[in-house]
Amino acid sequence: MSTVKNRTPFHRAEPILSVADMSASVAYYVDVLGFVNAPWGDDAFTHVTRDDAGIYLCRGGQGHPGTWIWIGVADVEVLRDEIRATGAKIRGEIVNHPWARELEVADPDGHVIRFGSEPV
């Protein structure tokens, strides 16, 4: 345990993903994965959220295609059924790991989101 005094608490991490086509990426995150786009978002930078999870999208910068991120969800099986029906790019079956049951989903830029819930 750290001995540093006066440490400030962290709240959450929100990755920034580089995208090639902002409108295609926003459509995928909103229409397929169920996120909501920020009202202030534009063609260069925006923020999509779903419940307590958030992802920044940046056209042409701040990151590299193919980034992997992890988002915890209440029930990965329910999510799989939901997003399969909307056309998500699901990469295989749910895998049970010691740390989580995970489902991998790709976005239009080749980023991979690992959605996970409690392992069984």
N, C-alpha and C. Protein backbone atom coordinates (compact mmCIF):
# COMPACT_ATOMS: atom_id res chain seq x y z
N MET A 1 0.84 -1.19 0.00
CA MET A 1 0.00 0.00 0.00
C MET A 1 0.88 1.24 0.00
N SER A 2 0.44 2.26 -0.71
CA SER A 2 1.22 3.48 -0.85
C SER A 2 1.25 4.29 0.45
N THR A 3 2.35 4.96 0.65
CA THR A 3 2.47 5.84 1.82
C THR A 3 2.30 7.30 1.45
N VAL A 4 1.90 7.58 0.20
CA VAL A 4 1.72 8.95 -0.25
C VAL A 4 0.48 9.53 0.43
N LYS A 5 0.63 10.69 1.01
CA LYS A 5 -0.49 11.35 1.69
C LYS A 5 -1.20 12.29 0.72
N ASN A 6 -2.41 12.62 1.04
CA ASN A 6 -3.21 13.57 0.26
C ASN A 6 -3.41 13.11 -1.18
N ARG A 7 -3.71 11.84 -1.37
CA ARG A 7 -4.00 11.32 -2.71
C ARG A 7 -5.43 11.69 -3.08
N THR A 8 -5.64 12.11 -4.30
CA THR A 8 -6.98 12.42 -4.75
C THR A 8 -7.64 11.17 -5.32
N PRO A 9 -8.93 10.97 -5.08
CA PRO A 9 -9.60 9.78 -5.61
C PRO A 9 -9.77 9.86 -7.13
N PHE A 10 -9.70 8.70 -7.76
CA PHE A 10 -10.01 8.59 -9.19
C PHE A 10 -11.50 8.28 -9.29
N HIS A 11 -12.14 8.74 -10.36
CA HIS A 11 -13.57 8.50 -10.53
C HIS A 11 -13.85 7.41 -11.56
N ARG A 12 -13.36 7.55 -12.75
CA ARG A 12 -13.52 6.53 -13.78
C ARG A 12 -12.59 6.86 -14.93
N ALA A 13 -12.35 5.88 -15.77
CA ALA A 13 -11.53 6.07 -16.96
C ALA A 13 -12.45 6.06 -18.18
N GLU A 14 -12.19 6.95 -19.11
CA GLU A 14 -12.97 7.02 -20.34
C GLU A 14 -11.99 7.11 -21.50
N PRO A 15 -11.83 6.03 -22.25
CA PRO A 15 -10.85 6.02 -23.33
C PRO A 15 -11.21 6.98 -24.46
N ILE A 16 -10.19 7.35 -25.21
CA ILE A 16 -10.38 8.15 -26.43
C ILE A 16 -9.98 7.26 -27.59
N LEU A 17 -10.90 7.03 -28.51
CA LEU A 17 -10.64 6.18 -29.66
C LEU A 17 -10.57 7.01 -30.93
N SER A 18 -9.57 6.73 -31.75
CA SER A 18 -9.43 7.38 -33.04
C SER A 18 -10.40 6.74 -34.03
N VAL A 19 -11.14 7.57 -34.76
CA VAL A 19 -12.08 7.06 -35.76
C VAL A 19 -11.82 7.74 -37.10
N ALA A 20 -12.12 7.03 -38.18
CA ALA A 20 -11.91 7.57 -39.53
C ALA A 20 -13.13 8.34 -40.01
N ASP A 21 -14.31 7.87 -39.67
CA ASP A 21 -15.56 8.46 -40.14
C ASP A 21 -16.47 8.66 -38.93
N MET A 22 -16.55 9.89 -38.44
CA MET A 22 -17.29 10.16 -37.21
C MET A 22 -18.76 9.76 -37.33
N SER A 23 -19.41 10.07 -38.43
CA SER A 23 -20.83 9.74 -38.54
C SER A 23 -21.06 8.23 -38.51
N ALA A 24 -20.19 7.45 -39.15
CA ALA A 24 -20.32 5.99 -39.13
C ALA A 24 -20.07 5.46 -37.72
N SER A 25 -19.09 6.00 -37.04
CA SER A 25 -18.78 5.54 -35.69
C SER A 25 -19.90 5.89 -34.71
N VAL A 26 -20.39 7.10 -34.77
CA VAL A 26 -21.49 7.50 -33.89
C VAL A 26 -22.71 6.63 -34.16
N ALA A 27 -23.03 6.41 -35.43
CA ALA A 27 -24.18 5.56 -35.76
C ALA A 27 -24.01 4.17 -35.17
N TYR A 28 -22.82 3.60 -35.24
CA TYR A 28 -22.58 2.26 -34.70
C TYR A 28 -22.74 2.25 -33.18
N TYR A 29 -22.10 3.20 -32.49
CA TYR A 29 -22.19 3.21 -31.03
C TYR A 29 -23.61 3.51 -30.55
N VAL A 30 -24.34 4.36 -31.25
CA VAL A 30 -25.70 4.72 -30.84
C VAL A 30 -26.71 3.68 -31.29
N ASP A 31 -26.77 3.40 -32.58
CA ASP A 31 -27.82 2.53 -33.12
C ASP A 31 -27.58 1.05 -32.87
N VAL A 32 -26.33 0.63 -32.80
CA VAL A 32 -26.01 -0.79 -32.65
C VAL A 32 -25.71 -1.16 -31.20
N LEU A 33 -24.89 -0.34 -30.52
CA LEU A 33 -24.49 -0.67 -29.16
C LEU A 33 -25.31 0.03 -28.08
N GLY A 34 -26.20 0.94 -28.44
CA GLY A 34 -27.11 1.54 -27.47
C GLY A 34 -26.56 2.70 -26.67
N PHE A 35 -25.47 3.31 -27.11
CA PHE A 35 -24.93 4.49 -26.44
C PHE A 35 -25.75 5.73 -26.84
N VAL A 36 -25.52 6.82 -26.15
CA VAL A 36 -26.13 8.12 -26.47
C VAL A 36 -25.01 9.09 -26.80
N ASN A 37 -25.15 9.84 -27.88
CA ASN A 37 -24.14 10.82 -28.28
C ASN A 37 -24.31 12.11 -27.50
N ALA A 38 -23.21 12.74 -27.15
CA ALA A 38 -23.24 14.02 -26.44
C ALA A 38 -23.86 15.10 -27.31
N PRO A 39 -24.67 15.97 -26.74
CA PRO A 39 -25.28 17.04 -27.52
C PRO A 39 -24.26 18.03 -28.08
N TRP A 40 -23.08 18.11 -27.49
CA TRP A 40 -22.06 19.05 -27.95
C TRP A 40 -21.14 18.42 -28.99
N GLY A 41 -21.28 17.12 -29.27
CA GLY A 41 -20.38 16.44 -30.20
C GLY A 41 -20.43 17.03 -31.60
N ASP A 42 -19.31 16.95 -32.31
CA ASP A 42 -19.27 17.41 -33.69
C ASP A 42 -18.52 16.38 -34.55
N ASP A 43 -18.18 16.73 -35.76
CA ASP A 43 -17.55 15.80 -36.69
C ASP A 43 -16.09 15.49 -36.34
N ALA A 44 -15.52 16.24 -35.40
CA ALA A 44 -14.13 16.03 -35.03
C ALA A 44 -13.97 15.32 -33.68
N PHE A 45 -14.91 15.53 -32.76
CA PHE A 45 -14.75 15.00 -31.39
C PHE A 45 -16.11 14.89 -30.73
N THR A 46 -16.35 13.78 -30.08
CA THR A 46 -17.61 13.61 -29.36
C THR A 46 -17.43 12.63 -28.22
N HIS A 47 -18.47 12.42 -27.48
CA HIS A 47 -18.47 11.53 -26.32
C HIS A 47 -19.76 10.73 -26.35
N VAL A 48 -19.64 9.40 -26.34
CA VAL A 48 -20.83 8.55 -26.29
C VAL A 48 -20.88 7.88 -24.92
N THR A 49 -22.10 7.75 -24.38
CA THR A 49 -22.27 7.17 -23.06
C THR A 49 -23.40 6.15 -23.05
N ARG A 50 -23.26 5.20 -22.16
CA ARG A 50 -24.34 4.28 -21.86
C ARG A 50 -24.24 4.00 -20.37
N ASP A 51 -25.24 4.44 -19.64
CA ASP A 51 -25.23 4.34 -18.19
C ASP A 51 -23.95 4.99 -17.66
N ASP A 52 -23.10 4.26 -16.94
CA ASP A 52 -21.90 4.87 -16.37
C ASP A 52 -20.66 4.72 -17.24
N ALA A 53 -20.80 4.15 -18.43
CA ALA A 53 -19.66 3.96 -19.33
C ALA A 53 -19.61 5.06 -20.37
N GLY A 54 -18.43 5.59 -20.62
CA GLY A 54 -18.26 6.63 -21.63
C GLY A 54 -17.03 6.39 -22.48
N ILE A 55 -17.13 6.78 -23.75
CA ILE A 55 -16.02 6.67 -24.69
C ILE A 55 -15.97 7.95 -25.50
N TYR A 56 -14.79 8.55 -25.59
CA TYR A 56 -14.59 9.70 -26.47
C TYR A 56 -14.20 9.17 -27.84
N LEU A 57 -14.72 9.81 -28.88
CA LEU A 57 -14.37 9.47 -30.26
C LEU A 57 -13.72 10.69 -30.89
N CYS A 58 -12.56 10.50 -31.49
CA CYS A 58 -11.80 11.60 -32.08
C CYS A 58 -11.47 11.24 -33.53
N ARG A 59 -11.91 12.07 -34.46
CA ARG A 59 -11.65 11.78 -35.87
C ARG A 59 -10.20 12.07 -36.21
N GLY A 60 -9.51 11.02 -36.67
CA GLY A 60 -8.16 11.17 -37.20
C GLY A 60 -7.06 11.42 -36.20
N GLY A 61 -7.29 11.22 -34.94
CA GLY A 61 -6.22 11.48 -33.99
C GLY A 61 -6.51 10.92 -32.62
N GLN A 62 -5.58 11.14 -31.72
CA GLN A 62 -5.70 10.72 -30.32
C GLN A 62 -5.96 9.23 -30.20
N GLY A 63 -5.03 8.45 -30.63
CA GLY A 63 -5.15 7.01 -30.52
C GLY A 63 -4.83 6.35 -31.85
N HIS A 64 -4.97 5.05 -31.86
CA HIS A 64 -4.65 4.27 -33.04
C HIS A 64 -5.74 3.24 -33.28
N PRO A 65 -6.07 2.98 -34.53
CA PRO A 65 -7.04 1.92 -34.83
C PRO A 65 -6.59 0.60 -34.20
N GLY A 66 -7.54 -0.16 -33.73
CA GLY A 66 -7.22 -1.45 -33.14
C GLY A 66 -7.04 -1.44 -31.63
N THR A 67 -7.38 -0.35 -30.97
CA THR A 67 -7.30 -0.28 -29.52
C THR A 67 -8.33 -1.21 -28.88
N TRP A 68 -7.96 -1.81 -27.77
CA TRP A 68 -8.88 -2.67 -27.02
C TRP A 68 -9.26 -1.97 -25.72
N ILE A 69 -10.56 -2.03 -25.36
CA ILE A 69 -11.02 -1.48 -24.09
C ILE A 69 -11.93 -2.51 -23.41
N TRP A 70 -12.13 -2.36 -22.12
CA TRP A 70 -12.98 -3.26 -21.35
C TRP A 70 -14.07 -2.44 -20.68
N ILE A 71 -15.31 -2.93 -20.77
CA ILE A 71 -16.45 -2.27 -20.11
C ILE A 71 -17.21 -3.34 -19.33
N GLY A 72 -17.39 -3.10 -18.05
CA GLY A 72 -18.17 -3.99 -17.22
C GLY A 72 -19.67 -3.77 -17.44
N VAL A 73 -20.42 -4.87 -17.51
CA VAL A 73 -21.87 -4.81 -17.70
C VAL A 73 -22.53 -5.74 -16.69
N ALA A 74 -23.83 -5.55 -16.46
CA ALA A 74 -24.55 -6.37 -15.50
C ALA A 74 -24.65 -7.82 -15.95
N ASP A 75 -24.96 -8.05 -17.22
CA ASP A 75 -25.16 -9.41 -17.73
C ASP A 75 -24.73 -9.47 -19.19
N VAL A 76 -23.59 -10.08 -19.45
CA VAL A 76 -23.04 -10.10 -20.80
C VAL A 76 -23.92 -10.91 -21.76
N GLU A 77 -24.63 -11.90 -21.26
CA GLU A 77 -25.52 -12.68 -22.13
C GLU A 77 -26.70 -11.85 -22.62
N VAL A 78 -27.28 -11.06 -21.74
CA VAL A 78 -28.37 -10.16 -22.14
C VAL A 78 -27.87 -9.15 -23.15
N LEU A 79 -26.67 -8.59 -22.90
CA LEU A 79 -26.09 -7.64 -23.85
C LEU A 79 -25.86 -8.30 -25.21
N ARG A 80 -25.30 -9.51 -25.22
CA ARG A 80 -25.07 -10.21 -26.49
C ARG A 80 -26.36 -10.34 -27.29
N ASP A 81 -27.43 -10.77 -26.64
CA ASP A 81 -28.71 -10.94 -27.34
C ASP A 81 -29.22 -9.60 -27.87
N GLU A 82 -29.07 -8.55 -27.07
CA GLU A 82 -29.51 -7.20 -27.48
C GLU A 82 -28.76 -6.72 -28.71
N ILE A 83 -27.42 -6.79 -28.66
CA ILE A 83 -26.65 -6.19 -29.75
C ILE A 83 -26.52 -7.10 -30.96
N ARG A 84 -26.72 -8.40 -30.77
CA ARG A 84 -26.77 -9.31 -31.93
C ARG A 84 -27.96 -8.91 -32.81
N ALA A 85 -29.07 -8.56 -32.17
CA ALA A 85 -30.28 -8.19 -32.91
C ALA A 85 -30.13 -6.87 -33.66
N THR A 86 -29.19 -6.03 -33.24
CA THR A 86 -29.00 -4.74 -33.91
C THR A 86 -27.84 -4.75 -34.90
N GLY A 87 -27.17 -5.90 -35.05
CA GLY A 87 -26.11 -6.01 -36.06
C GLY A 87 -24.71 -5.76 -35.58
N ALA A 88 -24.44 -5.94 -34.28
CA ALA A 88 -23.08 -5.74 -33.77
C ALA A 88 -22.11 -6.74 -34.38
N LYS A 89 -20.86 -6.32 -34.51
CA LYS A 89 -19.80 -7.18 -35.03
C LYS A 89 -19.22 -7.98 -33.86
N ILE A 90 -19.89 -9.08 -33.51
CA ILE A 90 -19.49 -9.91 -32.38
C ILE A 90 -18.38 -10.85 -32.82
N ARG A 91 -17.32 -10.88 -32.04
CA ARG A 91 -16.13 -11.68 -32.36
C ARG A 91 -16.13 -12.97 -31.53
N GLY A 92 -16.94 -13.94 -31.91
CA GLY A 92 -16.95 -15.22 -31.23
C GLY A 92 -17.96 -15.30 -30.11
N GLU A 93 -17.84 -16.37 -29.35
CA GLU A 93 -18.77 -16.65 -28.26
C GLU A 93 -18.31 -15.99 -26.96
N ILE A 94 -19.20 -15.96 -25.99
CA ILE A 94 -18.84 -15.50 -24.65
C ILE A 94 -17.83 -16.48 -24.06
N VAL A 95 -16.80 -15.94 -23.44
CA VAL A 95 -15.76 -16.76 -22.82
C VAL A 95 -15.77 -16.50 -21.32
N ASN A 96 -15.77 -17.58 -20.55
CA ASN A 96 -15.73 -17.47 -19.09
C ASN A 96 -14.28 -17.51 -18.62
N HIS A 97 -13.80 -16.39 -18.09
CA HIS A 97 -12.45 -16.28 -17.52
C HIS A 97 -12.59 -16.23 -16.00
N PRO A 98 -11.50 -16.40 -15.27
CA PRO A 98 -11.59 -16.28 -13.80
C PRO A 98 -12.04 -14.89 -13.35
N TRP A 99 -11.75 -13.85 -14.13
CA TRP A 99 -12.09 -12.48 -13.75
C TRP A 99 -13.45 -12.01 -14.28
N ALA A 100 -13.96 -12.62 -15.36
CA ALA A 100 -15.23 -12.17 -15.95
C ALA A 100 -15.67 -13.10 -17.07
N ARG A 101 -16.97 -13.07 -17.36
CA ARG A 101 -17.49 -13.66 -18.61
C ARG A 101 -17.43 -12.53 -19.62
N GLU A 102 -16.76 -12.75 -20.74
CA GLU A 102 -16.50 -11.66 -21.68
C GLU A 102 -17.00 -11.96 -23.08
N LEU A 103 -17.42 -10.87 -23.72
CA LEU A 103 -17.85 -10.88 -25.11
C LEU A 103 -17.06 -9.80 -25.84
N GLU A 104 -16.41 -10.17 -26.94
CA GLU A 104 -15.64 -9.19 -27.72
C GLU A 104 -16.48 -8.69 -28.88
N VAL A 105 -16.48 -7.36 -29.05
CA VAL A 105 -17.23 -6.71 -30.13
C VAL A 105 -16.29 -5.74 -30.83
N ALA A 106 -16.29 -5.74 -32.16
CA ALA A 106 -15.46 -4.82 -32.94
C ALA A 106 -16.31 -3.64 -33.40
N ASP A 107 -15.65 -2.48 -33.53
CA ASP A 107 -16.35 -1.31 -34.07
C ASP A 107 -15.86 -1.06 -35.51
N PRO A 108 -16.39 -0.04 -36.19
CA PRO A 108 -16.01 0.18 -37.60
C PRO A 108 -14.53 0.46 -37.84
N ASP A 109 -13.80 0.89 -36.81
CA ASP A 109 -12.38 1.21 -36.96
C ASP A 109 -11.47 0.09 -36.47
N GLY A 110 -12.04 -1.06 -36.15
CA GLY A 110 -11.24 -2.18 -35.70
C GLY A 110 -10.89 -2.16 -34.22
N HIS A 111 -11.46 -1.21 -33.47
CA HIS A 111 -11.30 -1.23 -32.02
C HIS A 111 -12.09 -2.42 -31.49
N VAL A 112 -11.63 -3.00 -30.40
CA VAL A 112 -12.34 -4.12 -29.79
C VAL A 112 -12.78 -3.73 -28.39
N ILE A 113 -14.07 -3.91 -28.13
CA ILE A 113 -14.61 -3.66 -26.80
C ILE A 113 -14.86 -5.02 -26.17
N ARG A 114 -14.24 -5.26 -25.03
CA ARG A 114 -14.48 -6.48 -24.27
C ARG A 114 -15.49 -6.14 -23.20
N PHE A 115 -16.71 -6.61 -23.38
CA PHE A 115 -17.77 -6.42 -22.39
C PHE A 115 -17.70 -7.59 -21.43
N GLY A 116 -17.74 -7.32 -20.13
CA GLY A 116 -17.63 -8.40 -19.17
C GLY A 116 -18.58 -8.28 -18.00
N SER A 117 -19.06 -9.44 -17.53
CA SER A 117 -19.85 -9.50 -16.31
C SER A 117 -19.27 -10.58 -15.40
N GLU A 118 -19.87 -10.79 -14.25
CA GLU A 118 -19.33 -11.73 -13.26
C GLU A 118 -19.13 -13.13 -13.87
N PRO A 119 -18.01 -13.78 -13.55
CA PRO A 119 -17.77 -15.14 -14.07
C PRO A 119 -18.69 -16.14 -13.39
N VAL A 120 -18.86 -17.29 -14.05
CA VAL A 120 -19.65 -18.38 -13.45
C VAL A 120 -18.75 -19.55 -13.13
